[in-house]
Structures are given as structure tokens and as C-alpha cells.
Amino acid sequence: MTMPDEPPVRTVRPGVRVGVDVGSARVGVAASDPTATFAHPVRTLARDELHGTDLTQIATLVEELAAVEVVVGLPLLLSGQEGEAARIARDYAVALAARVGTVTVRLVDERLTTVDAHRRLRDSGVPGRGQRKVVDQAAAVLILQTALDTEARSGRPPGEPVTTGGRRKKERRR
């Protein structure tokens, strides 16, 4: 039993997570620490729809970090419906899942993260032109941090798992 003065217990699976913000021109990448507490920016990759070098670079990073999970932002419309950007993110997540093998890829709601990332960068003094280089990383950090915090609060993995067939995996309730 938790005493009133004690902070709530974090119930997060240990291990590094990689966060991904898929854009039309760039892909932002973030990672967590091994305790899955804090997200930090890693890099911005050029989107390569023709050859998939961005997917290969993320898969290599996942292997190098021994990541246990990849979290891809799903840009839902404000109504909660899926539009073209969500379809693109889903397709990207399926392609990434095929590259990372047994590492789970999850889609999480990322409504307005890029807008929030721009605001935070502006508030921290990064000029408008300078934001372009790092906004995708900042959005990936927000996506990943939100996923980590959601899991810490709920005790369950955030979002929905992705399969290479594009269908949702059935999850057993605990």
C-alpha cells in the first residue's frame, strides 16, 4: 500500500524505447534511457520512400541501443478519425516492424505534437529557421515521452501494436 506522502510507483517495463515522428520529408528519432523514464532527441533523418534508407537507419539504431520497443506517432485528426497522414504513419510502422524483427512497434496518438514541438522550440529561443532542423526530433521526444508517461500511469503498454500484415494484434487483458 502506498503511503500518502510517497510518490506513486512507476510501473514501466524496463528497456530502451525508440520514438519516431514520421513526416513527408523528414523522420524525427528519439530514444529513452534504459529505465524508460526520460526521452531525448537522437537525430533527424531524410525520408527515403524510394530506397528506405531511413527505415534501415532506424532498424540499425534499434539494434545498437538494444531497444525493446519502437513507438511511432499516429497523427489522428482532431476528431479522432484517421486521415491521409495517419495512413502514411501506419504504412511506415508496418514497414519498420518488418525491419526490426522481434522488437515490438506500437502506434500512439500524436495529435498536435509537431505544433507543440514548434511552440516549445520557439519558447526556448530557437529561431524559426533553426526549428526546421530539430522540430522532427522534438516531436519524436514528445511522442515517446507521452508514451512512457502513459505506461507509467496505466501500467500497460501505450497505443496499439503493429504487425507486418498491417492488422492489429490481439492483446490479452491483465
Protein backbone atom coordinates (compact mmCIF):
# COMPACT_ATOMS: atom_id res chain seq x y z
CA MET A 1 0.00 0.00 0.00
CA THR A 2 1.34 3.46 -0.90
CA MET A 3 1.54 6.00 1.87
CA PRO A 4 0.03 9.45 1.12
CA ASP A 5 3.45 11.17 1.26
CA GLU A 6 5.09 8.72 -1.14
CA PRO A 7 5.15 9.33 -4.89
CA PRO A 8 3.15 6.83 -6.94
CA VAL A 9 5.09 3.75 -8.05
CA ARG A 10 6.07 3.82 -11.72
CA THR A 11 5.04 0.62 -13.44
CA VAL A 12 7.03 0.70 -16.65
CA ARG A 13 8.71 -2.22 -18.33
CA PRO A 14 12.47 -1.61 -18.30
CA GLY A 15 14.42 -1.12 -21.51
CA VAL A 16 15.25 1.50 -24.10
CA ARG A 17 12.42 2.66 -26.34
CA VAL A 18 12.83 4.45 -29.67
CA GLY A 19 10.31 7.12 -30.69
CA VAL A 20 9.59 8.01 -34.30
CA ASP A 21 7.82 11.03 -35.83
CA VAL A 22 7.07 10.34 -39.49
CA GLY A 23 6.90 13.34 -41.78
CA SER A 24 6.67 13.68 -45.54
CA ALA A 25 10.26 14.95 -45.88
CA ARG A 26 11.91 14.02 -42.58
CA VAL A 27 11.68 11.48 -39.79
CA GLY A 28 12.45 12.53 -36.22
CA VAL A 29 14.00 9.95 -33.91
CA ALA A 30 14.20 9.94 -30.12
CA ALA A 31 15.20 7.35 -27.53
CA SER A 32 14.62 6.73 -23.86
CA ASP A 33 17.03 5.89 -21.11
CA PRO A 34 17.17 2.19 -20.05
CA THR A 35 14.72 2.81 -17.20
CA ALA A 36 12.16 4.14 -19.72
CA THR A 37 11.79 7.34 -17.73
CA PHE A 38 13.13 10.11 -19.99
CA ALA A 39 13.06 10.63 -23.76
CA HIS A 40 15.83 12.52 -25.54
CA PRO A 41 16.41 13.56 -29.16
CA VAL A 42 18.61 11.34 -31.32
CA ARG A 43 18.55 12.58 -34.93
CA THR A 44 16.53 13.71 -37.90
CA LEU A 45 16.62 11.51 -40.98
CA ALA A 46 15.74 12.37 -44.56
CA ARG A 47 12.63 10.43 -45.57
CA ASP A 48 13.56 7.97 -48.32
CA GLU A 49 10.40 6.46 -49.77
CA LEU A 50 12.29 5.01 -52.74
CA HIS A 51 15.03 3.01 -51.01
CA GLY A 52 14.00 3.02 -47.34
CA THR A 53 17.40 4.11 -46.03
CA ASP A 54 15.61 5.91 -43.17
CA LEU A 55 13.96 2.64 -42.13
CA THR A 56 17.34 0.89 -42.29
CA GLN A 57 18.93 3.59 -40.12
CA ILE A 58 16.18 3.29 -37.51
CA ALA A 59 16.46 -0.52 -37.51
CA THR A 60 20.23 -0.19 -37.01
CA LEU A 61 19.68 2.25 -34.13
CA VAL A 62 17.17 -0.13 -32.53
CA GLU A 63 19.78 -2.89 -32.69
CA GLU A 64 22.64 -0.67 -31.42
CA LEU A 65 20.57 0.51 -28.45
CA ALA A 66 19.15 -2.98 -27.81
CA ALA A 67 15.77 -1.27 -27.79
CA VAL A 68 12.82 -3.29 -26.54
CA GLU A 69 10.17 -1.28 -28.39
CA VAL A 70 9.61 1.35 -31.07
CA VAL A 71 6.84 3.92 -30.69
CA VAL A 72 5.59 5.56 -33.90
CA GLY A 73 3.34 8.61 -33.73
CA LEU A 74 -0.11 8.22 -35.29
CA PRO A 75 -1.32 11.69 -36.39
CA LEU A 76 -5.07 11.40 -35.90
CA LEU A 77 -7.38 14.22 -36.92
CA LEU A 78 -8.76 16.37 -34.09
CA SER A 79 -12.00 14.39 -34.45
CA GLY A 80 -10.09 11.21 -33.62
CA GLN A 81 -10.53 9.85 -37.15
CA GLU A 82 -7.65 8.73 -39.34
CA GLY A 83 -6.74 10.78 -42.39
CA GLU A 84 -4.02 10.50 -45.02
CA ALA A 85 -1.20 11.34 -42.58
CA ALA A 86 -2.33 8.51 -40.27
CA ARG A 87 -2.40 6.07 -43.21
CA ILE A 88 1.16 7.09 -44.10
CA ALA A 89 2.29 6.62 -40.47
CA ARG A 90 0.58 3.19 -40.33
CA ASP A 91 2.28 2.07 -43.54
CA TYR A 92 5.61 3.34 -42.23
CA ALA A 93 5.13 1.50 -38.93
CA VAL A 94 4.34 -1.75 -40.76
CA ALA A 95 7.47 -1.38 -42.91
CA LEU A 96 9.53 -0.60 -39.81
CA ALA A 97 8.10 -3.61 -37.96
CA ALA A 98 9.26 -5.82 -40.84
CA ARG A 99 12.79 -4.42 -40.44
CA VAL A 100 13.15 -4.65 -36.66
CA GLY A 101 12.10 -8.29 -36.41
CA THR A 102 11.04 -9.31 -32.92
CA VAL A 103 11.09 -5.79 -31.47
CA THR A 104 7.53 -4.56 -30.93
CA VAL A 105 6.41 -1.50 -32.88
CA ARG A 106 3.47 0.44 -31.42
CA LEU A 107 1.36 3.27 -32.82
CA VAL A 108 0.39 6.02 -30.38
CA ASP A 109 -1.86 9.05 -30.80
CA GLU A 110 0.28 12.08 -31.55
CA ARG A 111 -2.27 14.79 -32.29
CA LEU A 112 -0.65 18.24 -32.29
CA THR A 113 2.85 17.10 -31.25
CA THR A 114 4.53 18.96 -34.12
CA VAL A 115 2.59 22.12 -33.23
CA ASP A 116 3.63 21.66 -29.58
CA ALA A 117 7.24 21.00 -30.61
CA HIS A 118 7.35 24.24 -32.63
CA ARG A 119 5.90 26.16 -29.67
CA ARG A 120 8.41 24.68 -27.23
CA LEU A 121 11.33 25.40 -29.54
CA ARG A 122 10.14 28.99 -30.05
CA ASP A 123 9.69 29.43 -26.29
CA SER A 124 13.23 28.15 -25.71
CA GLY A 125 14.66 30.72 -28.12
CA VAL A 126 15.25 28.61 -31.24
CA PRO A 127 14.61 30.87 -34.26
CA GLY A 128 12.05 29.83 -36.89
CA ARG A 129 14.65 28.81 -39.48
CA GLY A 130 16.57 26.79 -36.91
CA GLN A 131 13.46 24.88 -35.90
CA ARG A 132 13.22 23.04 -39.21
CA LYS A 133 16.35 21.01 -38.42
CA VAL A 134 15.19 19.85 -35.00
CA VAL A 135 11.38 20.04 -34.88
CA ASP A 136 11.01 16.42 -36.01
CA GLN A 137 13.34 15.27 -33.22
CA ALA A 138 11.43 17.41 -30.72
CA ALA A 139 8.14 15.89 -31.91
CA ALA A 140 9.63 12.38 -31.58
CA VAL A 141 10.67 13.23 -28.00
CA LEU A 142 7.12 14.39 -27.19
CA ILE A 143 5.60 11.24 -28.73
CA LEU A 144 7.96 8.96 -26.81
CA GLN A 145 7.72 10.85 -23.51
CA THR A 146 3.92 10.78 -23.69
CA ALA A 147 4.04 7.02 -24.32
CA LEU A 148 6.41 6.49 -21.37
CA ASP A 149 4.25 8.62 -19.06
CA THR A 150 1.07 6.86 -20.21
CA GLU A 151 2.57 3.47 -19.41
CA ALA A 152 3.82 4.72 -16.04
CA ARG A 153 0.30 5.89 -15.13
CA SER A 154 -1.68 2.95 -16.52
CA GLY A 155 0.75 0.07 -16.06
CA ARG A 156 0.02 -1.02 -19.64
CA PRO A 157 1.92 -0.50 -22.90
CA PRO A 158 0.57 2.55 -24.77
CA GLY A 159 -1.14 2.59 -28.13
CA GLU A 160 -1.62 -0.39 -30.38
CA PRO A 161 0.91 -3.00 -31.54
CA VAL A 162 1.72 -3.21 -35.24
CA THR A 163 2.12 -6.41 -37.22
CA THR A 164 3.81 -6.74 -40.57
CA GLY A 165 0.46 -7.77 -42.03
CA GLY A 166 -0.90 -4.35 -41.07
CA ARG A 167 -3.56 -5.78 -38.76
CA ARG A 168 -3.80 -5.08 -35.06
CA LYS A 169 -2.51 -7.74 -32.70
CA LYS A 170 -4.93 -9.02 -30.11
CA GLU A 171 -3.70 -8.19 -26.64
CA ARG A 172 -4.65 -10.16 -23.59
CA ARG A 173 -6.07 -8.10 -20.77
CA ARG A 174 -4.31 -8.49 -17.47
